[in-house]
Amino acid sequence: MAAEQYNARDVVFQIEDYLNPGVWTSIGPKGIETFSKSKEYETADTTTFGSNGQAESQNMQIGQAMQLEGKRLRDSATGAIDAGQLMVETQSERLGDASNTGFRFAHKDDTTWTVWAKANFQMGEEGAGTNEKVTWSVTVTRSGASSTAAKV
């Protein structure tokens, strides 16, 4: 079958519990509205006199980040925040070695996860106007290489 477009709403994002490695929690499955993955490259200039005035370079480093945006989820009866969003907010307050934990994502029909074994989380803006729902956003930055893991 030929490759086809797929629904963004079918992509799942999870955070690994820093205090319980191997335990994963979905991040705001009813709250995420948009996501974007970006790459950042660092290059080395390899231009020499022999380049005859034409710039030359090589990729030396690749960074990746994922931006998640949507609505903040809160249980109206208990006041509890969505478990995944709360875990992200808690992780974003950790510093140094403790600032990294696992992050993974995949389409619901995929058989494997894309895994960032080490990722750090920086919260974005939160707020809303009079007749709006409260927004929520986070930037997840990969630290090290990506890998994959089977979905079970």
N, C-alpha and C. Protein backbone atom coordinates (compact mmCIF):
# COMPACT_ATOMS: atom_id res chain seq x y z
N MET A 1 0.85 -1.19 0.00
CA MET A 1 0.00 0.00 0.00
C MET A 1 0.89 1.24 0.00
N ALA A 2 0.48 2.25 -0.73
CA ALA A 2 1.25 3.48 -0.82
C ALA A 2 1.15 4.28 0.47
N ALA A 3 2.19 5.06 0.76
CA ALA A 3 2.19 5.92 1.94
C ALA A 3 1.06 6.94 1.84
N GLU A 4 0.41 7.20 2.97
CA GLU A 4 -0.72 8.13 3.00
C GLU A 4 -0.54 9.12 4.14
N GLN A 5 -1.28 10.20 4.07
CA GLN A 5 -1.32 11.16 5.17
C GLN A 5 -1.91 10.49 6.40
N TYR A 6 -1.58 11.00 7.58
CA TYR A 6 -2.18 10.45 8.80
C TYR A 6 -2.54 11.57 9.76
N ASN A 7 -3.42 11.27 10.68
CA ASN A 7 -3.95 12.27 11.60
C ASN A 7 -2.96 12.60 12.71
N ALA A 8 -2.73 13.89 12.90
CA ALA A 8 -1.86 14.34 13.99
C ALA A 8 -2.43 13.91 15.34
N ARG A 9 -3.74 13.85 15.46
CA ARG A 9 -4.36 13.50 16.75
C ARG A 9 -4.09 12.05 17.16
N ASP A 10 -3.57 11.24 16.23
CA ASP A 10 -3.29 9.85 16.53
C ASP A 10 -1.86 9.62 17.01
N VAL A 11 -1.09 10.69 17.20
CA VAL A 11 0.27 10.55 17.73
C VAL A 11 0.20 10.66 19.25
N VAL A 12 0.87 9.74 19.91
CA VAL A 12 0.86 9.64 21.37
C VAL A 12 2.23 10.07 21.90
N PHE A 13 2.24 10.84 23.00
CA PHE A 13 3.46 11.31 23.63
C PHE A 13 3.47 10.82 25.07
N GLN A 14 4.62 10.30 25.52
CA GLN A 14 4.72 9.81 26.90
C GLN A 14 6.02 10.27 27.54
N ILE A 15 5.95 10.42 28.85
CA ILE A 15 7.11 10.77 29.66
C ILE A 15 7.40 9.60 30.61
N GLU A 16 8.69 9.35 30.83
CA GLU A 16 9.08 8.30 31.77
C GLU A 16 9.13 8.88 33.17
N ASP A 17 8.61 8.16 34.12
CA ASP A 17 8.63 8.60 35.51
C ASP A 17 10.06 8.60 36.01
N TYR A 18 10.58 9.78 36.32
CA TYR A 18 11.97 9.92 36.76
C TYR A 18 12.26 9.05 37.99
N LEU A 19 11.31 8.95 38.89
CA LEU A 19 11.50 8.19 40.13
C LEU A 19 11.21 6.70 39.97
N ASN A 20 10.61 6.30 38.84
CA ASN A 20 10.26 4.90 38.57
C ASN A 20 10.61 4.57 37.12
N PRO A 21 11.90 4.43 36.81
CA PRO A 21 12.29 4.16 35.42
C PRO A 21 11.54 2.96 34.85
N GLY A 22 11.13 3.10 33.59
CA GLY A 22 10.37 2.05 32.92
C GLY A 22 8.87 2.23 33.02
N VAL A 23 8.42 3.19 33.84
CA VAL A 23 7.00 3.50 33.97
C VAL A 23 6.72 4.75 33.12
N TRP A 24 5.83 4.60 32.15
CA TRP A 24 5.53 5.67 31.20
C TRP A 24 4.11 6.18 31.39
N THR A 25 3.92 7.49 31.23
CA THR A 25 2.61 8.12 31.37
C THR A 25 2.34 8.99 30.15
N SER A 26 1.15 8.86 29.57
CA SER A 26 0.77 9.69 28.43
C SER A 26 0.63 11.14 28.87
N ILE A 27 1.03 12.03 27.99
CA ILE A 27 0.99 13.47 28.29
C ILE A 27 -0.26 14.06 27.67
N GLY A 28 -1.19 14.49 28.52
CA GLY A 28 -2.40 15.22 28.10
C GLY A 28 -3.08 14.73 26.85
N PRO A 29 -3.44 13.45 26.78
CA PRO A 29 -4.02 12.96 25.53
C PRO A 29 -5.29 13.70 25.08
N LYS A 30 -6.02 14.29 26.00
CA LYS A 30 -7.21 15.06 25.62
C LYS A 30 -6.92 16.56 25.56
N GLY A 31 -5.66 16.94 25.80
CA GLY A 31 -5.32 18.35 25.84
C GLY A 31 -4.39 18.83 24.75
N ILE A 32 -3.58 17.94 24.18
CA ILE A 32 -2.62 18.35 23.16
C ILE A 32 -3.38 18.69 21.87
N GLU A 33 -3.08 19.86 21.32
CA GLU A 33 -3.72 20.31 20.09
C GLU A 33 -2.75 20.39 18.92
N THR A 34 -1.50 20.71 19.20
CA THR A 34 -0.49 20.79 18.14
C THR A 34 0.84 20.27 18.67
N PHE A 35 1.63 19.77 17.75
CA PHE A 35 3.01 19.42 18.08
C PHE A 35 3.88 19.74 16.88
N SER A 36 5.14 20.01 17.14
CA SER A 36 6.09 20.21 16.06
C SER A 36 7.45 19.72 16.53
N LYS A 37 8.10 18.97 15.65
CA LYS A 37 9.44 18.46 15.94
C LYS A 37 10.41 19.26 15.10
N SER A 38 11.49 19.70 15.70
CA SER A 38 12.47 20.49 14.97
C SER A 38 13.86 19.88 15.13
N LYS A 39 14.71 20.20 14.18
CA LYS A 39 16.11 19.79 14.23
C LYS A 39 16.98 21.03 14.14
N GLU A 40 18.09 20.97 14.83
CA GLU A 40 19.06 22.06 14.81
C GLU A 40 20.41 21.46 14.48
N TYR A 41 21.12 22.07 13.54
CA TYR A 41 22.41 21.55 13.11
C TYR A 41 23.52 22.53 13.46
N GLU A 42 24.65 21.98 13.83
CA GLU A 42 25.86 22.77 13.99
C GLU A 42 26.84 22.26 12.95
N THR A 43 27.41 23.19 12.19
CA THR A 43 28.32 22.80 11.12
C THR A 43 29.72 23.32 11.37
N ALA A 44 30.68 22.64 10.77
CA ALA A 44 32.07 23.10 10.80
C ALA A 44 32.40 23.65 9.43
N ASP A 45 33.01 24.80 9.40
CA ASP A 45 33.45 25.41 8.14
C ASP A 45 34.70 24.67 7.68
N THR A 46 34.64 24.07 6.50
CA THR A 46 35.79 23.34 5.96
C THR A 46 36.36 24.03 4.71
N THR A 47 36.00 25.29 4.54
CA THR A 47 36.47 26.06 3.39
C THR A 47 37.98 26.30 3.50
N THR A 48 38.67 26.11 2.39
CA THR A 48 40.12 26.36 2.32
C THR A 48 40.41 27.22 1.10
N PHE A 49 41.67 27.59 0.92
CA PHE A 49 42.05 28.32 -0.29
C PHE A 49 41.69 27.51 -1.52
N GLY A 50 41.75 26.17 -1.42
CA GLY A 50 41.45 25.29 -2.54
C GLY A 50 39.96 25.24 -2.88
N SER A 51 39.12 25.85 -2.05
CA SER A 51 37.68 25.86 -2.32
C SER A 51 37.30 26.87 -3.39
N ASN A 52 38.28 27.66 -3.82
CA ASN A 52 38.09 28.64 -4.89
C ASN A 52 36.92 29.56 -4.65
N GLY A 53 36.78 30.04 -3.42
CA GLY A 53 35.74 31.01 -3.11
C GLY A 53 34.36 30.41 -2.88
N GLN A 54 34.24 29.09 -2.90
CA GLN A 54 32.96 28.43 -2.67
C GLN A 54 32.94 27.86 -1.24
N ALA A 55 31.96 28.26 -0.46
CA ALA A 55 31.87 27.81 0.93
C ALA A 55 31.72 26.29 0.99
N GLU A 56 32.41 25.69 1.96
CA GLU A 56 32.29 24.26 2.20
C GLU A 56 32.08 24.05 3.70
N SER A 57 31.28 23.04 4.03
CA SER A 57 31.02 22.76 5.45
C SER A 57 30.60 21.32 5.62
N GLN A 58 30.56 20.88 6.88
CA GLN A 58 30.11 19.54 7.22
C GLN A 58 29.23 19.64 8.46
N ASN A 59 28.15 18.84 8.47
CA ASN A 59 27.34 18.74 9.69
C ASN A 59 28.17 18.07 10.77
N MET A 60 28.18 18.65 11.96
CA MET A 60 28.97 18.11 13.07
C MET A 60 28.11 17.70 14.25
N GLN A 61 26.91 18.27 14.35
CA GLN A 61 26.05 17.99 15.50
C GLN A 61 24.60 18.18 15.10
N ILE A 62 23.74 17.27 15.60
CA ILE A 62 22.31 17.39 15.34
C ILE A 62 21.58 17.41 16.68
N GLY A 63 20.72 18.39 16.85
CA GLY A 63 19.87 18.45 18.04
C GLY A 63 18.42 18.32 17.60
N GLN A 64 17.58 17.77 18.48
CA GLN A 64 16.16 17.67 18.19
C GLN A 64 15.34 18.16 19.37
N ALA A 65 14.20 18.72 19.05
CA ALA A 65 13.27 19.18 20.09
C ALA A 65 11.84 18.94 19.60
N MET A 66 10.93 18.83 20.56
CA MET A 66 9.51 18.64 20.27
C MET A 66 8.73 19.67 21.07
N GLN A 67 7.88 20.41 20.40
CA GLN A 67 7.01 21.39 21.05
C GLN A 67 5.62 20.81 21.12
N LEU A 68 5.04 20.73 22.32
CA LEU A 68 3.66 20.29 22.52
C LEU A 68 2.86 21.47 23.03
N GLU A 69 1.70 21.71 22.44
CA GLU A 69 0.85 22.82 22.87
C GLU A 69 -0.60 22.37 22.90
N GLY A 70 -1.36 22.96 23.79
CA GLY A 70 -2.77 22.65 23.88
C GLY A 70 -3.41 23.27 25.09
N LYS A 71 -4.27 22.51 25.72
CA LYS A 71 -5.00 22.97 26.89
C LYS A 71 -4.51 22.25 28.14
N ARG A 72 -4.51 22.96 29.27
CA ARG A 72 -4.17 22.35 30.55
C ARG A 72 -5.40 21.60 31.04
N LEU A 73 -5.19 20.36 31.47
CA LEU A 73 -6.30 19.51 31.89
C LEU A 73 -6.37 19.43 33.42
N ARG A 74 -7.58 19.57 33.95
CA ARG A 74 -7.78 19.57 35.40
C ARG A 74 -9.09 18.86 35.70
N ASP A 75 -9.07 17.94 36.67
CA ASP A 75 -10.28 17.24 37.10
C ASP A 75 -11.12 18.22 37.90
N SER A 76 -12.35 18.49 37.44
CA SER A 76 -13.19 19.49 38.11
C SER A 76 -13.63 19.05 39.50
N ALA A 77 -13.68 17.75 39.75
CA ALA A 77 -14.11 17.25 41.07
C ALA A 77 -12.98 17.29 42.09
N THR A 78 -11.77 16.90 41.67
CA THR A 78 -10.66 16.80 42.62
C THR A 78 -9.64 17.93 42.51
N GLY A 79 -9.63 18.61 41.37
CA GLY A 79 -8.63 19.65 41.13
C GLY A 79 -7.32 19.09 40.63
N ALA A 80 -7.22 17.76 40.49
CA ALA A 80 -5.99 17.13 40.05
C ALA A 80 -5.70 17.47 38.59
N ILE A 81 -4.43 17.75 38.31
CA ILE A 81 -3.97 18.03 36.95
C ILE A 81 -3.74 16.70 36.25
N ASP A 82 -3.92 16.66 34.92
CA ASP A 82 -3.62 15.47 34.13
C ASP A 82 -2.28 14.90 34.58
N ALA A 83 -2.22 13.59 34.80
CA ALA A 83 -1.02 12.95 35.35
C ALA A 83 0.21 13.21 34.50
N GLY A 84 0.09 13.12 33.17
CA GLY A 84 1.23 13.36 32.30
C GLY A 84 1.68 14.81 32.31
N GLN A 85 0.72 15.75 32.28
CA GLN A 85 1.09 17.16 32.32
C GLN A 85 1.76 17.50 33.65
N LEU A 86 1.25 16.95 34.73
CA LEU A 86 1.85 17.19 36.04
C LEU A 86 3.27 16.63 36.10
N MET A 87 3.48 15.44 35.54
CA MET A 87 4.80 14.84 35.52
C MET A 87 5.78 15.71 34.73
N VAL A 88 5.32 16.25 33.59
CA VAL A 88 6.14 17.16 32.78
C VAL A 88 6.49 18.41 33.59
N GLU A 89 5.49 19.01 34.25
CA GLU A 89 5.72 20.22 35.03
C GLU A 89 6.72 19.96 36.17
N THR A 90 6.59 18.80 36.82
CA THR A 90 7.51 18.44 37.89
C THR A 90 8.91 18.24 37.34
N GLN A 91 9.03 17.53 36.23
CA GLN A 91 10.34 17.27 35.63
C GLN A 91 11.02 18.55 35.19
N SER A 92 10.23 19.54 34.75
CA SER A 92 10.81 20.81 34.28
C SER A 92 11.47 21.60 35.41
N GLU A 93 11.21 21.24 36.66
CA GLU A 93 11.81 21.92 37.82
C GLU A 93 13.11 21.25 38.26
N ARG A 94 13.45 20.10 37.71
CA ARG A 94 14.69 19.41 38.10
C ARG A 94 15.87 20.02 37.36
N LEU A 95 17.03 20.00 38.01
CA LEU A 95 18.24 20.60 37.45
C LEU A 95 19.35 19.57 37.35
N GLY A 96 20.37 19.88 36.56
CA GLY A 96 21.54 19.03 36.44
C GLY A 96 21.19 17.66 35.88
N ASP A 97 21.88 16.62 36.38
CA ASP A 97 21.63 15.26 35.89
C ASP A 97 20.17 14.87 36.04
N ALA A 98 19.51 15.36 37.08
CA ALA A 98 18.11 15.01 37.34
C ALA A 98 17.15 15.65 36.34
N SER A 99 17.63 16.57 35.51
CA SER A 99 16.73 17.25 34.57
C SER A 99 16.36 16.37 33.38
N ASN A 100 17.09 15.28 33.17
CA ASN A 100 16.81 14.40 32.03
C ASN A 100 16.04 13.16 32.45
N THR A 101 15.03 12.84 31.67
CA THR A 101 14.30 11.58 31.82
C THR A 101 13.84 11.16 30.43
N GLY A 102 13.22 10.01 30.33
CA GLY A 102 12.80 9.50 29.03
C GLY A 102 11.56 10.18 28.47
N PHE A 103 11.51 10.25 27.14
CA PHE A 103 10.36 10.78 26.39
C PHE A 103 10.23 9.91 25.16
N ARG A 104 9.00 9.55 24.81
CA ARG A 104 8.80 8.74 23.61
C ARG A 104 7.50 9.14 22.92
N PHE A 105 7.44 8.82 21.63
CA PHE A 105 6.27 9.18 20.84
C PHE A 105 6.12 8.22 19.67
N ALA A 106 4.89 8.06 19.22
CA ALA A 106 4.59 7.19 18.09
C ALA A 106 3.14 7.40 17.66
N HIS A 107 2.85 7.07 16.43
CA HIS A 107 1.47 7.01 15.96
C HIS A 107 0.82 5.82 16.65
N LYS A 108 -0.46 5.90 16.90
CA LYS A 108 -1.16 4.84 17.64
C LYS A 108 -1.06 3.47 16.96
N ASP A 109 -0.89 3.44 15.64
CA ASP A 109 -0.80 2.18 14.91
C ASP A 109 0.63 1.68 14.71
N ASP A 110 1.62 2.49 15.08
CA ASP A 110 3.01 2.06 14.93
C ASP A 110 3.30 0.88 15.86
N THR A 111 4.26 0.08 15.49
CA THR A 111 4.67 -1.05 16.34
C THR A 111 5.88 -0.71 17.19
N THR A 112 6.49 0.45 16.92
CA THR A 112 7.65 0.89 17.72
C THR A 112 7.49 2.34 18.14
N TRP A 113 8.12 2.66 19.25
CA TRP A 113 8.22 4.03 19.75
C TRP A 113 9.52 4.65 19.25
N THR A 114 9.52 5.94 19.00
CA THR A 114 10.77 6.69 18.91
C THR A 114 11.07 7.12 20.33
N VAL A 115 12.25 6.80 20.82
CA VAL A 115 12.60 7.04 22.22
C VAL A 115 13.76 8.01 22.34
N TRP A 116 13.56 9.01 23.16
CA TRP A 116 14.65 9.88 23.59
C TRP A 116 14.93 9.48 25.03
N ALA A 117 15.94 8.63 25.24
CA ALA A 117 16.23 8.09 26.57
C ALA A 117 16.55 9.20 27.57
N LYS A 118 17.13 10.28 27.07
CA LYS A 118 17.40 11.45 27.90
C LYS A 118 16.80 12.66 27.22
N ALA A 119 15.90 13.32 27.91
CA ALA A 119 15.28 14.53 27.39
C ALA A 119 15.01 15.46 28.56
N ASN A 120 15.09 16.77 28.30
CA ASN A 120 14.74 17.73 29.35
C ASN A 120 13.55 18.56 28.88
N PHE A 121 12.85 19.12 29.83
CA PHE A 121 11.55 19.74 29.59
C PHE A 121 11.57 21.19 30.07
N GLN A 122 11.16 22.10 29.19
CA GLN A 122 11.03 23.51 29.55
C GLN A 122 9.60 23.95 29.28
N MET A 123 8.94 24.41 30.34
CA MET A 123 7.55 24.84 30.21
C MET A 123 7.46 26.14 29.41
N GLY A 124 6.38 26.24 28.64
CA GLY A 124 6.10 27.46 27.88
C GLY A 124 5.05 28.28 28.60
N GLU A 125 4.44 29.18 27.84
CA GLU A 125 3.42 30.06 28.42
C GLU A 125 2.15 29.29 28.76
N GLU A 126 1.49 29.77 29.80
CA GLU A 126 0.21 29.22 30.22
C GLU A 126 -0.71 30.40 30.49
N GLY A 127 -1.93 30.32 30.02
CA GLY A 127 -2.86 31.42 30.27
C GLY A 127 -4.04 31.35 29.34
N ALA A 128 -4.88 32.38 29.40
CA ALA A 128 -6.05 32.45 28.53
C ALA A 128 -6.80 33.75 28.81
N GLY A 129 -7.72 34.07 27.91
CA GLY A 129 -8.57 35.23 28.07
C GLY A 129 -9.89 34.85 28.75
N THR A 130 -10.75 35.82 28.92
CA THR A 130 -12.02 35.65 29.62
C THR A 130 -12.84 34.46 29.14
N ASN A 131 -12.99 34.30 27.85
CA ASN A 131 -13.85 33.26 27.30
C ASN A 131 -13.07 32.13 26.64
N GLU A 132 -11.91 31.82 27.21
CA GLU A 132 -11.06 30.79 26.64
C GLU A 132 -10.70 29.74 27.69
N LYS A 133 -10.21 28.62 27.24
CA LYS A 133 -9.68 27.58 28.12
C LYS A 133 -8.20 27.86 28.36
N VAL A 134 -7.69 27.44 29.51
CA VAL A 134 -6.29 27.68 29.87
C VAL A 134 -5.37 26.86 28.96
N THR A 135 -4.35 27.53 28.44
CA THR A 135 -3.40 26.87 27.54
C THR A 135 -2.26 26.23 28.33
N TRP A 136 -1.52 25.37 27.64
CA TRP A 136 -0.39 24.65 28.24
C TRP A 136 0.59 24.34 27.12
N SER A 137 1.88 24.48 27.39
CA SER A 137 2.87 24.13 26.38
C SER A 137 4.19 23.74 27.03
N VAL A 138 4.94 22.92 26.31
CA VAL A 138 6.25 22.48 26.77
C VAL A 138 7.14 22.24 25.56
N THR A 139 8.43 22.49 25.74
CA THR A 139 9.43 22.12 24.75
C THR A 139 10.26 21.00 25.35
N VAL A 140 10.33 19.88 24.65
CA VAL A 140 11.11 18.73 25.07
C VAL A 140 12.36 18.70 24.20
N THR A 141 13.54 18.70 24.81
CA THR A 141 14.79 18.72 24.07
C THR A 141 15.54 17.43 24.28
N ARG A 142 15.87 16.78 23.20
CA ARG A 142 16.61 15.51 23.26
C ARG A 142 18.04 15.76 23.72
N SER A 143 18.55 14.89 24.57
CA SER A 143 19.95 14.92 25.01
C SER A 143 20.57 13.58 24.66
N GLY A 144 21.37 13.54 23.61
CA GLY A 144 21.92 12.28 23.12
C GLY A 144 21.15 11.81 21.91
N ALA A 145 21.36 10.57 21.54
CA ALA A 145 20.76 10.01 20.33
C ALA A 145 19.37 9.46 20.58
N SER A 146 18.59 9.35 19.51
CA SER A 146 17.29 8.70 19.54
C SER A 146 17.50 7.20 19.38
N SER A 147 16.50 6.45 19.85
CA SER A 147 16.48 5.01 19.62
C SER A 147 15.03 4.60 19.38
N THR A 148 14.78 3.32 19.29
CA THR A 148 13.42 2.83 19.13
C THR A 148 13.19 1.71 20.15
N ALA A 149 11.92 1.47 20.44
CA ALA A 149 11.55 0.37 21.35
C ALA A 149 10.23 -0.18 20.86
N ALA A 150 10.06 -1.48 20.97
CA ALA A 150 8.82 -2.13 20.58
C ALA A 150 7.69 -1.69 21.48
N LYS A 151 6.51 -1.50 20.89
CA LYS A 151 5.31 -1.21 21.68
C LYS A 151 4.77 -2.55 22.18
N VAL A 152 4.48 -2.61 23.44
CA VAL A 152 3.90 -3.84 24.02
C VAL A 152 2.58 -3.58 24.65
